[in-house]
PDB file of N, CA and C in Angstrom:
ATOM      1  N   MET A   1      92.422  83.436  79.480  1.00  0.00           N
ATOM      2  CA  MET A   1      92.757  84.219  80.658  1.00  0.00           C
ATOM      3  C   MET A   1      93.190  85.608  80.234  1.00  0.00           C
ATOM      4  N   ASP A   2      93.255  86.485  81.187  1.00  0.00           N
ATOM      5  CA  ASP A   2      93.536  87.884  80.883  1.00  0.00           C
ATOM      6  C   ASP A   2      95.007  88.185  80.651  1.00  0.00           C
ATOM      7  N   HIS A   3      95.877  87.218  80.666  1.00  0.00           N
ATOM      8  CA  HIS A   3      97.295  87.490  80.452  1.00  0.00           C
ATOM      9  C   HIS A   3      97.823  86.863  79.170  1.00  0.00           C
ATOM     10  N   TYR A   4      96.944  86.528  78.261  1.00  0.00           N
ATOM     11  CA  TYR A   4      97.324  86.036  76.941  1.00  0.00           C
ATOM     12  C   TYR A   4      96.661  86.912  75.886  1.00  0.00           C
ATOM     13  N   GLY A   5      97.191  86.868  74.683  1.00  0.00           N
ATOM     14  CA  GLY A   5      96.549  87.533  73.559  1.00  0.00           C
ATOM     15  C   GLY A   5      97.140  88.886  73.259  1.00  0.00           C
ATOM     16  N   PRO A   6      96.675  89.483  72.188  1.00  0.00           N
ATOM     17  CA  PRO A   6      97.268  90.741  71.725  1.00  0.00           C
ATOM     18  C   PRO A   6      97.035  91.921  72.661  1.00  0.00           C
ATOM     19  N   GLY A   7      96.024  91.858  73.509  1.00  0.00           N
ATOM     20  CA  GLY A   7      95.766  92.962  74.428  1.00  0.00           C
ATOM     21  C   GLY A   7      96.752  93.028  75.576  1.00  0.00           C
ATOM     22  N   VAL A   8      97.408  91.925  75.888  1.00  0.00           N
ATOM     23  CA  VAL A   8      98.379  91.864  76.976  1.00  0.00           C
ATOM     24  C   VAL A   8      99.576  91.066  76.473  1.00  0.00           C
ATOM     25  N   PRO A   9     100.449  91.683  75.689  1.00  0.00           N
ATOM     26  CA  PRO A   9     101.553  90.952  75.065  1.00  0.00           C
ATOM     27  C   PRO A   9     102.730  90.716  76.017  1.00  0.00           C
ATOM     28  N   ILE A  10     102.665  89.663  76.802  1.00  0.00           N
ATOM     29  CA  ILE A  10     103.723  89.358  77.757  1.00  0.00           C
ATOM     30  C   ILE A  10     104.680  88.373  77.120  1.00  0.00           C
ATOM     31  N   GLY A  11     105.915  88.779  76.962  1.00  0.00           N
ATOM     32  CA  GLY A  11     106.934  87.886  76.417  1.00  0.00           C
ATOM     33  C   GLY A  11     107.324  86.847  77.445  1.00  0.00           C
ATOM     34  N   GLY A  12     107.785  85.717  76.987  1.00  0.00           N
ATOM     35  CA  GLY A  12     108.249  84.685  77.898  1.00  0.00           C
ATOM     36  C   GLY A  12     107.154  83.754  78.366  1.00  0.00           C
ATOM     37  N   GLY A  13     105.942  83.928  77.879  1.00  0.00           N
ATOM     38  CA  GLY A  13     104.876  83.000  78.222  1.00  0.00           C
ATOM     39  C   GLY A  13     103.998  83.478  79.348  1.00  0.00           C
ATOM     40  N   ALA A  14     103.400  82.529  80.010  1.00  0.00           N
ATOM     41  CA  ALA A  14     102.403  82.813  81.042  1.00  0.00           C
ATOM     42  C   ALA A  14     103.034  83.326  82.329  1.00  0.00           C
ATOM     43  N   LEU A  15     102.211  83.907  83.153  1.00  0.00           N
ATOM     44  CA  LEU A  15     102.648  84.352  84.470  1.00  0.00           C
ATOM     45  C   LEU A  15     102.555  83.224  85.487  1.00  0.00           C
ATOM     46  N   CYS A  16     101.698  82.277  85.255  1.00  0.00           N
ATOM     47  CA  CYS A  16     101.430  81.215  86.208  1.00  0.00           C
ATOM     48  C   CYS A  16     102.680  80.397  86.482  1.00  0.00           C
ATOM     49  N   GLY A  17     102.987  80.220  87.745  1.00  0.00           N
ATOM     50  CA  GLY A  17     104.098  79.393  88.162  1.00  0.00           C
ATOM     51  C   GLY A  17     105.453  80.079  88.145  1.00  0.00           C
ATOM     52  N   LYS A  18     105.508  81.333  87.744  1.00  0.00           N
ATOM     53  CA  LYS A  18     106.788  82.038  87.681  1.00  0.00           C
ATOM     54  C   LYS A  18     107.152  82.584  89.056  1.00  0.00           C
ATOM     55  N   ASP A  19     108.426  82.537  89.376  1.00  0.00           N
ATOM     56  CA  ASP A  19     108.945  83.097  90.615  1.00  0.00           C
ATOM     57  C   ASP A  19     108.698  84.608  90.616  1.00  0.00           C
ATOM     58  N   PRO A  20     108.088  85.167  91.669  1.00  0.00           N
ATOM     59  CA  PRO A  20     107.802  86.602  91.689  1.00  0.00           C
ATOM     60  C   PRO A  20     109.029  87.495  91.745  1.00  0.00           C
ATOM     61  N   HIS A  21     110.206  86.907  91.945  1.00  0.00           N
ATOM     62  CA  HIS A  21     111.443  87.692  91.928  1.00  0.00           C
ATOM     63  C   HIS A  21     112.063  87.748  90.531  1.00  0.00           C
ATOM     64  N   LYS A  22     111.534  86.999  89.606  1.00  0.00           N
ATOM     65  CA  LYS A  22     112.084  86.945  88.260  1.00  0.00           C
ATOM     66  C   LYS A  22     111.357  87.945  87.367  1.00  0.00           C
ATOM     67  N   VAL A  23     112.059  88.399  86.356  1.00  0.00           N
ATOM     68  CA  VAL A  23     111.550  89.449  85.495  1.00  0.00           C
ATOM     69  C   VAL A  23     110.304  89.009  84.715  1.00  0.00           C
ATOM     70  N   ASP A  24     110.138  87.709  84.470  1.00  0.00           N
ATOM     71  CA  ASP A  24     108.962  87.255  83.727  1.00  0.00           C
ATOM     72  C   ASP A  24     107.672  87.735  84.388  1.00  0.00           C
ATOM     73  N   ARG A  25     107.597  87.559  85.686  1.00  0.00           N
ATOM     74  CA  ARG A  25     106.391  87.976  86.406  1.00  0.00           C
ATOM     75  C   ARG A  25     106.519  89.410  86.904  1.00  0.00           C
ATOM     76  N   ALA A  26     107.593  89.724  87.594  1.00  0.00           N
ATOM     77  CA  ALA A  26     107.751  91.053  88.196  1.00  0.00           C
ATOM     78  C   ALA A  26     107.766  92.156  87.142  1.00  0.00           C
ATOM     79  N   GLY A  27     108.460  91.929  86.031  1.00  0.00           N
ATOM     80  CA  GLY A  27     108.509  92.932  84.968  1.00  0.00           C
ATOM     81  C   GLY A  27     107.158  93.138  84.309  1.00  0.00           C
ATOM     82  N   ALA A  28     106.443  92.045  84.079  1.00  0.00           N
ATOM     83  CA  ALA A  28     105.120  92.148  83.463  1.00  0.00           C
ATOM     84  C   ALA A  28     104.149  92.914  84.367  1.00  0.00           C
ATOM     85  N   LEU A  29     104.198  92.650  85.658  1.00  0.00           N
ATOM     86  CA  LEU A  29     103.288  93.335  86.573  1.00  0.00           C
ATOM     87  C   LEU A  29     103.683  94.798  86.755  1.00  0.00           C
ATOM     88  N   ARG A  30     104.971  95.105  86.712  1.00  0.00           N
ATOM     89  CA  ARG A  30     105.411  96.506  86.788  1.00  0.00           C
ATOM     90  C   ARG A  30     104.958  97.257  85.527  1.00  0.00           C
ATOM     91  N   ALA A  31     105.088  96.616  84.366  1.00  0.00           N
ATOM     92  CA  ALA A  31     104.623  97.238  83.128  1.00  0.00           C
ATOM     93  C   ALA A  31     103.115  97.493  83.198  1.00  0.00           C
ATOM     94  N   ARG A  32     102.376  96.540  83.746  1.00  0.00           N
ATOM     95  CA  ARG A  32     100.932  96.710  83.925  1.00  0.00           C
ATOM     96  C   ARG A  32     100.662  97.910  84.833  1.00  0.00           C
ATOM     97  N   GLN A  33     101.401  98.029  85.917  1.00  0.00           N
ATOM     98  CA  GLN A  33     101.225  99.149  86.835  1.00  0.00           C
ATOM     99  C   GLN A  33     101.435 100.480  86.104  1.00  0.00           C
ATOM    100  N   LEU A  34     102.465 100.564  85.284  1.00  0.00           N
ATOM    101  CA  LEU A  34     102.729 101.796  84.542  1.00  0.00           C
ATOM    102  C   LEU A  34     101.610 102.100  83.546  1.00  0.00           C
ATOM    103  N   ALA A  35     101.103 101.080  82.871  1.00  0.00           N
ATOM    104  CA  ALA A  35     100.006 101.285  81.923  1.00  0.00           C
ATOM    105  C   ALA A  35      98.753 101.792  82.642  1.00  0.00           C
ATOM    106  N   VAL A  36      98.456 101.196  83.783  1.00  0.00           N
ATOM    107  CA  VAL A  36      97.298 101.642  84.569  1.00  0.00           C
ATOM    108  C   VAL A  36      97.472 103.102  84.977  1.00  0.00           C
ATOM    109  N   ARG A  37      98.659 103.464  85.423  1.00  0.00           N
ATOM    110  CA  ARG A  37      98.912 104.856  85.840  1.00  0.00           C
ATOM    111  C   ARG A  37      98.825 105.823  84.662  1.00  0.00           C
ATOM    112  N   LEU A  38      99.290 105.403  83.488  1.00  0.00           N
ATOM    113  CA  LEU A  38      99.183 106.279  82.316  1.00  0.00           C
ATOM    114  C   LEU A  38      97.726 106.579  81.985  1.00  0.00           C
ATOM    115  N   VAL A  39      96.866 105.588  82.138  1.00  0.00           N
ATOM    116  CA  VAL A  39      95.438 105.802  81.867  1.00  0.00           C
ATOM    117  C   VAL A  39      94.780 106.556  83.010  1.00  0.00           C
ATOM    118  N   ARG A  40      95.023 106.128  84.218  1.00  0.00           N
ATOM    119  CA  ARG A  40      94.357 106.726  85.381  1.00  0.00           C
ATOM    120  C   ARG A  40      94.843 108.146  85.667  1.00  0.00           C
ATOM    121  N   ASP A  41      96.170 108.354  85.632  1.00  0.00           N
ATOM    122  CA  ASP A  41      96.739 109.633  86.061  1.00  0.00           C
ATOM    123  C   ASP A  41      97.384 110.443  84.935  1.00  0.00           C
ATOM    124  N   GLY A  42      97.707 109.793  83.832  1.00  0.00           N
ATOM    125  CA  GLY A  42      98.467 110.454  82.777  1.00  0.00           C
ATOM    126  C   GLY A  42      97.653 110.953  81.605  1.00  0.00           C
ATOM    127  N   GLY A  43      96.333 110.859  81.697  1.00  0.00           N
ATOM    128  CA  GLY A  43      95.474 111.402  80.655  1.00  0.00           C
ATOM    129  C   GLY A  43      95.323 110.542  79.416  1.00  0.00           C
ATOM    130  N   ALA A  44      95.801 109.306  79.435  1.00  0.00           N
ATOM    131  CA  ALA A  44      95.687 108.429  78.272  1.00  0.00           C
ATOM    132  C   ALA A  44      94.342 107.713  78.266  1.00  0.00           C
ATOM    133  N   ARG A  45      93.878 107.384  77.069  1.00  0.00           N
ATOM    134  CA  ARG A  45      92.689 106.535  76.936  1.00  0.00           C
ATOM    135  C   ARG A  45      93.091 105.066  76.890  1.00  0.00           C
ATOM    136  N   ASN A  46      94.227 104.785  76.223  1.00  0.00           N
ATOM    137  CA  ASN A  46      94.771 103.434  76.089  1.00  0.00           C
ATOM    138  C   ASN A  46      96.285 103.501  76.237  1.00  0.00           C
ATOM    139  N   ALA A  47      96.858 102.476  76.853  1.00  0.00           N
ATOM    140  CA  ALA A  47      98.314 102.446  77.001  1.00  0.00           C
ATOM    141  C   ALA A  47      98.803 101.001  77.050  1.00  0.00           C
ATOM    142  N   THR A  48      99.836 100.730  76.286  1.00  0.00           N
ATOM    143  CA  THR A  48     100.547  99.458  76.348  1.00  0.00           C
ATOM    144  C   THR A  48     101.999  99.793  76.626  1.00  0.00           C
ATOM    145  N   VAL A  49     102.516  99.305  77.730  1.00  0.00           N
ATOM    146  CA  VAL A  49     103.889  99.599  78.136  1.00  0.00           C
ATOM    147  C   VAL A  49     104.785  98.428  77.772  1.00  0.00           C
ATOM    148  N   ARG A  50     105.938  98.746  77.193  1.00  0.00           N
ATOM    149  CA  ARG A  50     106.969  97.744  76.904  1.00  0.00           C
ATOM    150  C   ARG A  50     108.138  98.006  77.835  1.00  0.00           C
ATOM    151  N   LEU A  51     108.447  96.999  78.608  1.00  0.00           N
ATOM    152  CA  LEU A  51     109.551  97.061  79.563  1.00  0.00           C
ATOM    153  C   LEU A  51     110.419  95.850  79.247  1.00  0.00           C
ATOM    154  N   GLY A  52     111.635  96.077  78.755  1.00  0.00           N
ATOM    155  CA  GLY A  52     112.462  94.974  78.291  1.00  0.00           C
ATOM    156  C   GLY A  52     113.745  94.824  79.074  1.00  0.00           C
ATOM    157  N   PHE A  53     114.015  93.605  79.477  1.00  0.00           N
ATOM    158  CA  PHE A  53     115.228  93.279  80.226  1.00  0.00           C
ATOM    159  C   PHE A  53     116.118  92.368  79.396  1.00  0.00           C
ATOM    160  N   LEU A  54     117.408  92.498  79.569  1.00  0.00           N
ATOM    161  CA  LEU A  54     118.386  91.620  78.946  1.00  0.00           C
ATOM    162  C   LEU A  54     119.070  90.793  80.028  1.00  0.00           C
ATOM    163  N   PRO A  55     119.465  89.563  79.712  1.00  0.00           N
ATOM    164  CA  PRO A  55     120.131  88.717  80.712  1.00  0.00           C
ATOM    165  C   PRO A  55     121.343  89.414  81.317  1.00  0.00           C
ATOM    166  N   GLY A  56     121.440  89.321  82.627  1.00  0.00           N
ATOM    167  CA  GLY A  56     122.589  89.855  83.341  1.00  0.00           C
ATOM    168  C   GLY A  56     122.479  91.321  83.730  1.00  0.00           C
ATOM    169  N   LEU A  57     121.464  92.012  83.223  1.00  0.00           N
ATOM    170  CA  LEU A  57     121.285  93.420  83.581  1.00  0.00           C
ATOM    171  C   LEU A  57     120.241  93.559  84.669  1.00  0.00           C
ATOM    172  N   ARG A  58     120.487  94.421  85.597  1.00  0.00           N
ATOM    173  CA  ARG A  58     119.592  94.662  86.724  1.00  0.00           C
ATOM    174  C   ARG A  58     118.488  95.647  86.362  1.00  0.00           C
ATOM    175  N   GLU A  59     118.801  96.585  85.472  1.00  0.00           N
ATOM    176  CA  GLU A  59     117.844  97.603  85.020  1.00  0.00           C
ATOM    177  C   GLU A  59     117.326  97.224  83.635  1.00  0.00           C
ATOM    178  N   PRO A  60     116.131  97.677  83.265  1.00  0.00           N
ATOM    179  CA  PRO A  60     115.621  97.337  81.934  1.00  0.00           C
ATOM    180  C   PRO A  60     116.448  97.988  80.824  1.00  0.00           C
ATOM    181  N   ALA A  61     116.534  97.302  79.704  1.00  0.00           N
ATOM    182  CA  ALA A  61     117.244  97.820  78.534  1.00  0.00           C
ATOM    183  C   ALA A  61     116.415  98.888  77.849  1.00  0.00           C
ATOM    184  N   PHE A  62     115.093  98.785  77.971  1.00  0.00           N
ATOM    185  CA  PHE A  62     114.239  99.816  77.383  1.00  0.00           C
ATOM    186  C   PHE A  62     112.910  99.919  78.113  1.00  0.00           C
ATOM    187  N   LEU A  63     112.337 101.097  78.014  1.00  0.00           N
ATOM    188  CA  LEU A  63     110.998 101.395  78.505  1.00  0.00           C
ATOM    189  C   LEU A  63     110.371 102.310  77.472  1.00  0.00           C
ATOM    190  N   ASP A  64     109.244 101.896  76.932  1.00  0.00           N
ATOM    191  CA  ASP A  64     108.471 102.772  76.076  1.00  0.00           C
ATOM    192  C   ASP A  64     107.007 102.377  76.198  1.00  0.00           C
ATOM    193  N   ALA A  65     106.147 103.158  75.584  1.00  0.00           N
ATOM    194  CA  ALA A  65     104.720 102.876  75.674  1.00  0.00           C
ATOM    195  C   ALA A  65     104.012 103.350  74.415  1.00  0.00           C
ATOM    196  N   TYR A  66     103.029 102.596  74.019  1.00  0.00           N
ATOM    197  CA  TYR A  66     102.153 102.984  72.914  1.00  0.00           C
ATOM    198  C   TYR A  66     100.905 103.558  73.562  1.00  0.00           C
ATOM    199  N   VAL A  67     100.762 104.862  73.440  1.00  0.00           N
ATOM    200  CA  VAL A  67      99.699 105.586  74.144  1.00  0.00           C
ATOM    201  C   VAL A  67      98.849 106.349  73.140  1.00  0.00           C
ATOM    202  N   ASP A  68      97.592 105.972  73.068  1.00  0.00           N
ATOM    203  CA  ASP A  68      96.630 106.661  72.193  1.00  0.00           C
ATOM    204  C   ASP A  68      97.169 106.867  70.780  1.00  0.00           C
ATOM    205  N   GLY A  69      97.779 105.814  70.242  1.00  0.00           N
ATOM    206  CA  GLY A  69      98.207 105.841  68.853  1.00  0.00           C
ATOM    207  C   GLY A  69      99.593 106.373  68.569  1.00  0.00           C
ATOM    208  N   ARG A  70     100.370 106.672  69.607  1.00  0.00           N
ATOM    209  CA  ARG A  70     101.751 107.110  69.358  1.00  0.00           C
ATOM    210  C   ARG A  70     102.682 106.544  70.419  1.00  0.00           C
ATOM    211  N   TRP A  71     103.964 106.420  70.017  1.00  0.00           N
ATOM    212  CA  TRP A  71     104.976 105.866  70.903  1.00  0.00           C
ATOM    213  C   TRP A  71     105.571 106.953  71.789  1.00  0.00           C
ATOM    214  N   LEU A  72     105.745 106.638  73.056  1.00  0.00           N
ATOM    215  CA  LEU A  72     106.416 107.515  74.013  1.00  0.00           C
ATOM    216  C   LEU A  72     107.664 106.807  74.521  1.00  0.00           C
ATOM    217  N   ASP A  73     108.765 107.541  74.630  1.00  0.00           N
ATOM    218  CA  ASP A  73     109.961 106.965  75.232  1.00  0.00           C
ATOM    219  C   ASP A  73     109.881 107.123  76.751  1.00  0.00           C
ATOM    220  N   GLY A  74     110.884 106.617  77.443  1.00  0.00           N
ATOM    221  CA  GLY A  74     110.891 106.661  78.906  1.00  0.00           C
ATOM    222  C   GLY A  74     110.783 108.069  79.466  1.00  0.00           C
ATOM    223  N   ASP A  75     111.436 109.042  78.826  1.00  0.00           N
ATOM    224  CA  ASP A  75     111.364 110.426  79.305  1.00  0.00           C
ATOM    225  C   ASP A  75     109.956 111.001  79.162  1.00  0.00           C
ATOM    226  N   ALA A  76     109.299 110.691  78.060  1.00  0.00           N
ATOM    227  CA  ALA A  76     107.936 111.180  77.844  1.00  0.00           C
ATOM    228  C   ALA A  76     106.959 110.528  78.823  1.00  0.00           C
ATOM    229  N   ILE A  77     107.210 109.258  79.162  1.00  0.00           N
ATOM    230  CA  ILE A  77     106.380 108.583  80.168  1.00  0.00           C
ATOM    231  C   ILE A  77     106.575 109.266  81.516  1.00  0.00           C
ATOM    232  N   ALA A  78     107.833 109.518  81.879  1.00  0.00           N
ATOM    233  CA  ALA A  78     108.141 110.159  83.168  1.00  0.00           C
ATOM    234  C   ALA A  78     107.576 111.574  83.243  1.00  0.00           C
ATOM    235  N   ALA A  79     107.381 112.232  82.114  1.00  0.00           N
ATOM    236  CA  ALA A  79     106.780 113.561  82.115  1.00  0.00           C
ATOM    237  C   ALA A  79     105.285 113.493  82.436  1.00  0.00           C
ATOM    238  N   ARG A  80     104.675 112.335  82.206  1.00  0.00           N
ATOM    239  CA  ARG A  80     103.236 112.169  82.459  1.00  0.00           C
ATOM    240  C   ARG A  80     102.930 111.594  83.836  1.00  0.00           C
ATOM    241  N   ILE A  81     103.772 110.647  84.277  1.00  0.00           N
ATOM    242  CA  ILE A  81     103.526 109.952  85.553  1.00  0.00           C
ATOM    243  C   ILE A  81     104.854 109.715  86.267  1.00  0.00           C
ATOM    244  N   PRO A  82     104.823 109.563  87.578  1.00  0.00           N
ATOM    245  CA  PRO A  82     106.044 109.155  88.288  1.00  0.00           C
ATOM    246  C   PRO A  82     106.398 107.719  87.907  1.00  0.00           C
ATOM    247  N   VAL A  83     107.646 107.489  87.535  1.00  0.00           N
ATOM    248  CA  VAL A  83     108.100 106.146  87.178  1.00  0.00           C
ATOM    249  C   VAL A  83     108.840 105.575  88.387  1.00  0.00           C
ATOM    250  N   PRO A  84     108.371 104.439  88.905  1.00  0.00           N
ATOM    251  CA  PRO A  84     109.034 103.838  90.072  1.00  0.00           C
ATOM    252  C   PRO A  84     110.362 103.200  89.695  1.00  0.00           C
ATOM    253  N   ASP A  85     111.063 102.705  90.693  1.00  0.00           N
ATOM    254  CA  ASP A  85     112.298 101.955  90.499  1.00  0.00           C
ATOM    255  C   ASP A  85     111.992 100.768  89.584  1.00  0.00           C
ATOM    256  N   LEU A  86     112.722 100.646  88.487  1.00  0.00           N
ATOM    257  CA  LEU A  86     112.467  99.589  87.517  1.00  0.00           C
ATOM    258  C   LEU A  86     113.478  98.453  87.589  1.00  0.00           C
ATOM    259  N   SER A  87     114.297  98.434  88.631  1.00  0.00           N
ATOM    260  CA  SER A  87     115.251  97.338  88.770  1.00  0.00           C
ATOM    261  C   SER A  87     114.502  96.022  88.958  1.00  0.00           C
ATOM    262  N   ILE A  88     115.190  94.928  88.736  1.00  0.00           N
ATOM    263  CA  ILE A  88     114.560  93.611  88.859  1.00  0.00           C
ATOM    264  C   ILE A  88     114.043  93.368  90.278  1.00  0.00           C
ATOM    265  N   GLU A  89     114.756  93.852  91.286  1.00  0.00           N
ATOM    266  CA  GLU A  89     114.369  93.605  92.674  1.00  0.00           C
ATOM    267  C   GLU A  89     113.149  94.415  93.108  1.00  0.00           C
ATOM    268  N   ALA A  90     112.970  95.587  92.541  1.00  0.00           N
ATOM    269  CA  ALA A  90     111.975  96.533  93.035  1.00  0.00           C
ATOM    270  C   ALA A  90     110.524  96.052  92.951  1.00  0.00           C
ATOM    271  N   PRO A  91     110.059  95.452  91.854  1.00  0.00           N
ATOM    272  CA  PRO A  91     108.651  95.044  91.818  1.00  0.00           C
ATOM    273  C   PRO A  91     108.291  94.045  92.916  1.00  0.00           C
ATOM    274  N   ALA A  92     109.144  93.057  93.172  1.00  0.00           N
ATOM    275  CA  ALA A  92     108.840  92.087  94.227  1.00  0.00           C
ATOM    276  C   ALA A  92     108.682  92.791  95.565  1.00  0.00           C
ATOM    277  N   ARG A  93     109.535  93.784  95.813  1.00  0.00           N
ATOM    278  CA  ARG A  93     109.474  94.538  97.074  1.00  0.00           C
ATOM    279  C   ARG A  93     108.277  95.493  97.080  1.00  0.00           C
ATOM    280  N   ASP A  94     108.195  96.365  96.086  1.00  0.00           N
ATOM    281  CA  ASP A  94     107.179  97.412  96.070  1.00  0.00           C
ATOM    282  C   ASP A  94     105.758  96.878  95.909  1.00  0.00           C
ATOM    283  N   LEU A  95     105.604  95.848  95.104  1.00  0.00           N
ATOM    284  CA  LEU A  95     104.276  95.285  94.848  1.00  0.00           C
ATOM    285  C   LEU A  95     103.947  94.142  95.806  1.00  0.00           C
ATOM    286  N   GLU A  96     104.872  93.871  96.738  1.00  0.00           N
ATOM    287  CA  GLU A  96     104.697  92.828  97.758  1.00  0.00           C
ATOM    288  C   GLU A  96     104.321  91.482  97.131  1.00  0.00           C
ATOM    289  N   LEU A  97     105.046  91.113  96.082  1.00  0.00           N
ATOM    290  CA  LEU A  97     104.715  89.907  95.331  1.00  0.00           C
ATOM    291  C   LEU A  97     104.900  88.634  96.133  1.00  0.00           C
ATOM    292  N   THR A  98     105.753  88.639  97.142  1.00  0.00           N
ATOM    293  CA  THR A  98     105.930  87.428  97.941  1.00  0.00           C
ATOM    294  C   THR A  98     104.777  87.220  98.917  1.00  0.00           C
ATOM    295  N   ARG A  99     103.931  88.215  99.079  1.00  0.00           N
ATOM    296  CA  ARG A  99     102.788  88.099  99.995  1.00  0.00           C
ATOM    297  C   ARG A  99     101.512  87.678  99.287  1.00  0.00           C
ATOM    298  N   VAL A 100     101.514  87.713  97.956  1.00  0.00           N
ATOM    299  CA  VAL A 100     100.320  87.356  97.189  1.00  0.00           C
ATOM    300  C   VAL A 100     100.079  85.852  97.289  1.00  0.00           C
ATOM    301  N   LYS A 101      98.846  85.472  97.505  1.00  0.00           N
ATOM    302  CA  LYS A 101      98.460  84.057  97.499  1.00  0.00           C
ATOM    303  C   LYS A 101      98.111  83.711  96.046  1.00  0.00           C
ATOM    304  N   TRP A 102      99.130  83.277  95.301  1.00  0.00           N
ATOM    305  CA  TRP A 102      99.009  83.136  93.853  1.00  0.00           C
ATOM    306  C   TRP A 102      97.946  82.135  93.436  1.00  0.00           C
ATOM    307  N   ASN A 103      97.774  81.047  94.173  1.00  0.00           N
ATOM    308  CA  ASN A 103      96.745  80.067  93.799  1.00  0.00           C
ATOM    309  C   ASN A 103      95.368  80.699  93.809  1.00  0.00           C
ATOM    310  N   GLU A 104      95.082  81.481  94.827  1.00  0.00           N
ATOM    311  CA  GLU A 104      93.787  82.150  94.918  1.00  0.00           C
ATOM    312  C   GLU A 104      93.685  83.268  93.888  1.00  0.00           C
ATOM    313  N   HIS A 105      94.760  84.010  93.733  1.00  0.00           N
ATOM    314  CA  HIS A 105      94.748  85.167  92.847  1.00  0.00           C
ATOM    315  C   HIS A 105      94.548  84.759  91.388  1.00  0.00           C
ATOM    316  N   ALA A 106      95.194  83.692  90.965  1.00  0.00           N
ATOM    317  CA  ALA A 106      95.140  83.268  89.569  1.00  0.00           C
ATOM    318  C   ALA A 106      93.748  82.814  89.152  1.00  0.00           C
ATOM    319  N   ARG A 107      92.953  82.362  90.077  1.00  0.00           N
ATOM    320  CA  ARG A 107      91.593  81.916  89.742  1.00  0.00           C
ATOM    321  C   ARG A 107      90.756  83.027  89.129  1.00  0.00           C
ATOM    322  N   GLY A 108      91.001  84.260  89.554  1.00  0.00           N
ATOM    323  CA  GLY A 108      90.230  85.380  89.038  1.00  0.00           C
ATOM    324  C   GLY A 108      90.975  86.202  88.009  1.00  0.00           C
ATOM    325  N   GLY A 109      92.173  85.807  87.640  1.00  0.00           N
ATOM    326  CA  GLY A 109      92.976  86.568  86.689  1.00  0.00           C
ATOM    327  C   GLY A 109      93.979  87.442  87.414  1.00  0.00           C
ATOM    328  N   TYR A 110      95.049  87.758  86.730  1.00  0.00           N
ATOM    329  CA  TYR A 110      96.139  88.506  87.347  1.00  0.00           C
ATOM    330  C   TYR A 110      95.898  90.011  87.379  1.00  0.00           C
ATOM    331  N   PHE A 111      94.961  90.500  86.601  1.00  0.00           N
ATOM    332  CA  PHE A 111      94.764  91.941  86.493  1.00  0.00           C
ATOM    333  C   PHE A 111      93.414  92.324  87.092  1.00  0.00           C
ATOM    334  N   GLY A 112      93.421  93.444  87.798  1.00  0.00           N
ATOM    335  CA  GLY A 112      92.187  93.925  88.412  1.00  0.00           C
ATOM    336  C   GLY A 112      92.065  93.517  89.859  1.00  0.00           C
ATOM    337  N   ARG A 113      90.896  93.712  90.388  1.00  0.00           N
ATOM    338  CA  ARG A 113      90.522  93.313  91.736  1.00  0.00           C
ATOM    339  C   ARG A 113      91.398  93.898  92.826  1.00  0.00           C
ATOM    340  N   GLY A 114      91.887  95.115  92.638  1.00  0.00           N
ATOM    341  CA  GLY A 114      92.622  95.787  93.696  1.00  0.00           C
ATOM    342  C   GLY A 114      94.043  95.313  93.931  1.00  0.00           C
ATOM    343  N   SER A 115      94.623  94.609  92.995  1.00  0.00           N
ATOM    344  CA  SER A 115      95.996  94.129  93.136  1.00  0.00           C
ATOM    345  C   SER A 115      96.947  95.319  93.262  1.00  0.00           C
ATOM    346  N   SER A 116      98.086  95.078  93.902  1.00  0.00           N
ATOM    347  CA  SER A 116      99.044  96.162  94.123  1.00  0.00           C
ATOM    348  C   SER A 116      99.533  96.764  92.819  1.00  0.00           C
ATOM    349  N   TRP A 117      99.617  95.988  91.762  1.00  0.00           N
ATOM    350  CA  TRP A 117     100.080  96.519  90.477  1.00  0.00           C
ATOM    351  C   TRP A 117      98.983  97.286  89.748  1.00  0.00           C
ATOM    352  N   GLU A 118      97.791  97.338  90.290  1.00  0.00           N
ATOM    353  CA  GLU A 118      96.706  98.129  89.723  1.00  0.00           C
ATOM    354  C   GLU A 118      96.651  99.531  90.349  1.00  0.00           C
ATOM    355  N   ARG A 119      97.561  99.788  91.309  1.00  0.00           N
ATOM    356  CA  ARG A 119      97.574 101.115  91.953  1.00  0.00           C
ATOM    357  C   ARG A 119      98.657 101.963  91.359  1.00  0.00           C
TER     358      ARG A 119
END
């Protein structure tokens, strides 16, 4: 599937079956959204975004990205693209994760096909 392997390094395991309000799914999809924006709007050819949360914190402990062979910190990312609210609650709200029909969506993979995190 498209959410395993070195091209999509999601910590904590698979996305399947995860509560969309939890950082396992919401954080991974928000990171995907940022990577897509870096390529689409930020002039990158390739981008891998790392968004890391620690237990008990509402905001991520770190945000960085590997873009076209070099690391960018959160400020450098924000200089290229608008960075949305990265709190734990925001992806479920902004990406409308509670409205996704996950059984249908997972059949075709979590990435692509016009998903809200692809915009």
